[in-house]
C-alpha atoms as a PDB file:
ATOM      1  CA  UNK A   1      23.602  28.189 -31.007  1.00  0.00           C
ATOM      2  CA  UNK A   2      25.158  26.715 -28.329  1.00  0.00           C
ATOM      3  CA  UNK A   3      22.977  28.590 -26.070  1.00  0.00           C
ATOM      4  CA  UNK A   4      19.960  27.150 -27.620  1.00  0.00           C
ATOM      5  CA  UNK A   5      21.402  23.530 -28.051  1.00  0.00           C
ATOM      6  CA  UNK A   6      21.730  24.159 -24.115  1.00  0.00           C
ATOM      7  CA  UNK A   7      18.236  25.358 -23.684  1.00  0.00           C
ATOM      8  CA  UNK A   8      16.898  22.210 -26.208  1.00  0.00           C
ATOM      9  CA  UNK A   9      18.747  19.278 -24.187  1.00  0.00           C
ATOM     10  CA  UNK A  10      17.983  21.218 -20.934  1.00  0.00           C
ATOM     11  CA  UNK A  11      14.348  21.446 -21.970  1.00  0.00           C
ATOM     12  CA  UNK A  12      14.025  17.481 -23.712  1.00  0.00           C
ATOM     13  CA  UNK A  13      16.125  16.660 -20.112  1.00  0.00           C
ATOM     14  CA  UNK A  14      12.873  17.891 -17.739  1.00  0.00           C
ATOM     15  CA  UNK A  15      10.578  16.341 -19.949  1.00  0.00           C
ATOM     16  CA  UNK A  16      11.941  13.178 -19.436  1.00  0.00           C
ATOM     17  CA  UNK A  17      12.347  13.294 -15.622  1.00  0.00           C
ATOM     18  CA  UNK A  18       8.977  14.352 -15.175  1.00  0.00           C
ATOM     19  CA  UNK A  19       7.009  13.936 -18.208  1.00  0.00           C
ATOM     20  CA  UNK A  20       7.793  10.271 -19.343  1.00  0.00           C
ATOM     21  CA  UNK A  21       7.232   8.998 -15.596  1.00  0.00           C
ATOM     22  CA  UNK A  22       3.415  10.340 -15.860  1.00  0.00           C
ATOM     23  CA  UNK A  23       3.049   7.901 -19.075  1.00  0.00           C
ATOM     24  CA  UNK A  24       3.575   5.087 -16.578  1.00  0.00           C
ATOM     25  CA  UNK A  25       1.911   5.787 -13.033  1.00  0.00           C
ATOM     26  CA  UNK A  26      -0.807   4.311 -11.605  1.00  0.00           C
ATOM     27  CA  UNK A  27      -3.996   5.482 -10.506  1.00  0.00           C
ATOM     28  CA  UNK A  28      -5.469   3.286  -7.478  1.00  0.00           C
ATOM     29  CA  UNK A  29      -8.509   3.025  -6.700  1.00  0.00           C
ATOM     30  CA  UNK A  30      -9.959   5.903  -4.693  1.00  0.00           C
ATOM     31  CA  UNK A  31     -12.192   3.829  -1.984  1.00  0.00           C
ATOM     32  CA  UNK A  32     -12.037   0.060  -1.914  1.00  0.00           C
ATOM     33  CA  UNK A  33     -13.192  -2.758   0.613  1.00  0.00           C
ATOM     34  CA  UNK A  34     -10.429  -5.343   1.798  1.00  0.00           C
ATOM     35  CA  UNK A  35     -11.370  -8.487   2.921  1.00  0.00           C
ATOM     36  CA  UNK A  36     -10.332 -11.781   3.667  1.00  0.00           C
ATOM     37  CA  UNK A  37      -9.220 -13.758   0.548  1.00  0.00           C
ATOM     38  CA  UNK A  38     -11.580 -17.163  -0.328  1.00  0.00           C
ATOM     39  CA  UNK A  39     -10.850 -19.851   2.391  1.00  0.00           C
ATOM     40  CA  UNK A  40     -10.652 -17.755   5.126  1.00  0.00           C
ATOM     41  CA  UNK A  41     -13.164 -16.868   7.542  1.00  0.00           C
ATOM     42  CA  UNK A  42     -13.252 -13.522   8.885  1.00  0.00           C
ATOM     43  CA  UNK A  43     -13.550 -12.730  12.747  1.00  0.00           C
ATOM     44  CA  UNK A  44     -13.768  -9.504  12.109  1.00  0.00           C
ATOM     45  CA  UNK A  45     -15.517  -7.173   9.256  1.00  0.00           C
ATOM     46  CA  UNK A  46     -14.068  -5.882   5.935  1.00  0.00           C
ATOM     47  CA  UNK A  47     -11.965  -2.653   6.466  1.00  0.00           C
ATOM     48  CA  UNK A  48     -12.660   0.707   4.502  1.00  0.00           C
ATOM     49  CA  UNK A  49     -10.093   1.891   3.127  1.00  0.00           C
ATOM     50  CA  UNK A  50      -8.934   4.956   0.710  1.00  0.00           C
ATOM     51  CA  UNK A  51      -6.286   5.123  -0.972  1.00  0.00           C
ATOM     52  CA  UNK A  52      -6.526   8.865  -1.691  1.00  0.00           C
ATOM     53  CA  UNK A  53      -6.837   9.791   2.366  1.00  0.00           C
ATOM     54  CA  UNK A  54      -4.967  11.408   4.175  1.00  0.00           C
ATOM     55  CA  UNK A  55      -1.663   9.551   5.010  1.00  0.00           C
ATOM     56  CA  UNK A  56      -1.909   7.074   2.495  1.00  0.00           C
ATOM     57  CA  UNK A  57      -1.732   9.428  -0.926  1.00  0.00           C
ATOM     58  CA  UNK A  58       1.844  10.853   0.118  1.00  0.00           C
ATOM     59  CA  UNK A  59       2.895   7.113   0.492  1.00  0.00           C
ATOM     60  CA  UNK A  60       5.300   5.425  -2.343  1.00  0.00           C
ATOM     61  CA  UNK A  61       3.424   2.833  -3.612  1.00  0.00           C
ATOM     62  CA  UNK A  62       6.161  -0.067  -2.504  1.00  0.00           C
ATOM     63  CA  UNK A  63       5.645   1.168   0.735  1.00  0.00           C
ATOM     64  CA  UNK A  64       2.814  -1.529   1.160  1.00  0.00           C
ATOM     65  CA  UNK A  65       2.954  -3.283  -2.424  1.00  0.00           C
ATOM     66  CA  UNK A  66       6.518  -4.447  -2.107  1.00  0.00           C
ATOM     67  CA  UNK A  67       6.697  -6.932  -4.695  1.00  0.00           C
ATOM     68  CA  UNK A  68       5.274  -5.015  -7.109  1.00  0.00           C
ATOM     69  CA  UNK A  69       6.714  -4.063 -10.546  1.00  0.00           C
ATOM     70  CA  UNK A  70       5.904  -0.412 -11.087  1.00  0.00           C
ATOM     71  CA  UNK A  71       3.825  -1.501 -14.034  1.00  0.00           C
ATOM     72  CA  UNK A  72       1.560  -4.516 -13.828  1.00  0.00           C
ATOM     73  CA  UNK A  73      -1.117  -5.609 -11.850  1.00  0.00           C
ATOM     74  CA  UNK A  74       1.277  -8.656 -10.268  1.00  0.00           C
ATOM     75  CA  UNK A  75       1.960  -7.880  -6.957  1.00  0.00           C
ATOM     76  CA  UNK A  76      -1.004  -5.588  -5.869  1.00  0.00           C
ATOM     77  CA  UNK A  77      -3.172  -8.048  -3.562  1.00  0.00           C
ATOM     78  CA  UNK A  78      -1.511  -9.455  -0.484  1.00  0.00           C
ATOM     79  CA  UNK A  79      -3.000 -12.601  -1.139  1.00  0.00           C
ATOM     80  CA  UNK A  80      -1.227 -12.780  -4.721  1.00  0.00           C
ATOM     81  CA  UNK A  81       0.595 -16.449  -4.745  1.00  0.00           C
ATOM     82  CA  UNK A  82       4.102 -15.910  -3.474  1.00  0.00           C
ATOM     83  CA  UNK A  83       3.195 -13.167  -1.083  1.00  0.00           C
ATOM     84  CA  UNK A  84       0.898 -13.381   1.731  1.00  0.00           C
ATOM     85  CA  UNK A  85      -1.004 -15.898   0.352  1.00  0.00           C
ATOM     86  CA  UNK A  86      -1.106 -18.183   3.559  1.00  0.00           C
ATOM     87  CA  UNK A  87      -4.328 -18.081   5.174  1.00  0.00           C
ATOM     88  CA  UNK A  88      -3.997 -20.713   8.156  1.00  0.00           C
ATOM     89  CA  UNK A  89      -4.533 -18.444  11.354  1.00  0.00           C
ATOM     90  CA  UNK A  90      -2.696 -20.543  13.459  1.00  0.00           C
ATOM     91  CA  UNK A  91       0.196 -19.113  11.839  1.00  0.00           C
ATOM     92  CA  UNK A  92      -0.558 -15.999  11.877  1.00  0.00           C
ATOM     93  CA  UNK A  93       3.105 -14.687  13.039  1.00  0.00           C
ATOM     94  CA  UNK A  94       4.552 -15.843   9.523  1.00  0.00           C
ATOM     95  CA  UNK A  95       5.263 -13.355   7.099  1.00  0.00           C
ATOM     96  CA  UNK A  96       3.886 -14.789   4.370  1.00  0.00           C
ATOM     97  CA  UNK A  97       0.455 -14.828   6.167  1.00  0.00           C
ATOM     98  CA  UNK A  98      -2.523 -12.865   5.112  1.00  0.00           C
ATOM     99  CA  UNK A  99      -3.089 -11.713   8.766  1.00  0.00           C
ATOM    100  CA  UNK A 100       0.780 -10.408   9.585  1.00  0.00           C
ATOM    101  CA  UNK A 101       0.286  -8.735   6.289  1.00  0.00           C
ATOM    102  CA  UNK A 102      -2.027  -5.628   7.750  1.00  0.00           C
ATOM    103  CA  UNK A 103      -0.984  -6.747  11.499  1.00  0.00           C
ATOM    104  CA  UNK A 104       2.340  -7.355  12.369  1.00  0.00           C
ATOM    105  CA  UNK A 105       3.178  -4.091  14.579  1.00  0.00           C
ATOM    106  CA  UNK A 106       6.712  -4.470  13.858  1.00  0.00           C
ATOM    107  CA  UNK A 107       6.397  -3.948  10.152  1.00  0.00           C
ATOM    108  CA  UNK A 108       6.691  -0.720   8.456  1.00  0.00           C
ATOM    109  CA  UNK A 109       4.753  -2.557   6.163  1.00  0.00           C
ATOM    110  CA  UNK A 110       1.756  -3.186   7.513  1.00  0.00           C
ATOM    111  CA  UNK A 111      -1.306  -1.545   8.339  1.00  0.00           C
ATOM    112  CA  UNK A 112      -0.908  -1.471  12.383  1.00  0.00           C
ATOM    113  CA  UNK A 113       2.836  -1.465  12.071  1.00  0.00           C
ATOM    114  CA  UNK A 114       2.777   1.731  10.057  1.00  0.00           C
ATOM    115  CA  UNK A 115      -0.201   3.375  12.260  1.00  0.00           C
ATOM    116  CA  UNK A 116       1.942   2.632  15.299  1.00  0.00           C
ATOM    117  CA  UNK A 117       4.522   4.796  13.983  1.00  0.00           C
ATOM    118  CA  UNK A 118       2.738   7.076  12.986  1.00  0.00           C
ATOM    119  CA  UNK A 119       1.012   7.612  15.837  1.00  0.00           C
ATOM    120  CA  UNK A 120       4.596   7.523  18.043  1.00  0.00           C
ATOM    121  CA  UNK A 121       5.206  10.373  15.743  1.00  0.00           C
ATOM    122  CA  UNK A 122       2.319  12.436  17.133  1.00  0.00           C
ATOM    123  CA  UNK A 123       0.189  11.644  13.821  1.00  0.00           C
ATOM    124  CA  UNK A 124      -3.666  10.512  13.710  1.00  0.00           C
ATOM    125  CA  UNK A 125      -3.972   7.193  13.104  1.00  0.00           C
ATOM    126  CA  UNK A 126      -5.739   4.585  14.547  1.00  0.00           C
ATOM    127  CA  UNK A 127      -4.531   1.979  16.257  1.00  0.00           C
ATOM    128  CA  UNK A 128      -7.705  -0.106  17.737  1.00  0.00           C
ATOM    129  CA  UNK A 129      -9.272  -2.740  15.808  1.00  0.00           C
ATOM    130  CA  UNK A 130     -12.797  -1.642  15.886  1.00  0.00           C
ATOM    131  CA  UNK A 131     -11.240   2.065  14.273  1.00  0.00           C
ATOM    132  CA  UNK A 132     -10.221   0.231  11.053  1.00  0.00           C
ATOM    133  CA  UNK A 133     -12.843  -2.942  11.516  1.00  0.00           C
ATOM    134  CA  UNK A 134     -16.461  -1.461  12.457  1.00  0.00           C
ATOM    135  CA  UNK A 135     -18.431  -3.820  14.747  1.00  0.00           C
ATOM    136  CA  UNK A 136     -20.697  -5.902  12.758  1.00  0.00           C
ATOM    137  CA  UNK A 137     -24.582  -4.692  12.364  1.00  0.00           C
END
């Protein structure tokens, strides 16, 4: 009887630990295009981005989506109000600037910062502008 109860409780614990968490899992888009928000005139082409690509798939979502609650759609877009909604290009160095969300080279949360760190570790990560922003045709 004790052994059966132990097995039942252990199975329930494993189900809760691994099974229930998948109920709240969010399936990211496979491929997307990151564009400048309305009101910001981009000088480079939009970035084609693959969530499922090598290097990105292994990341914790909150590495990039650091204000995300893990459940809703709030905090998923960098340009959301209260995150990186400042589009003033004369203030690119400010933390809430849209540009800095992607290009702050010293931040592990920005694309460029993460890519520079990966490159320093010997991984294949693009850091040149035209590697992410193809030349406009």
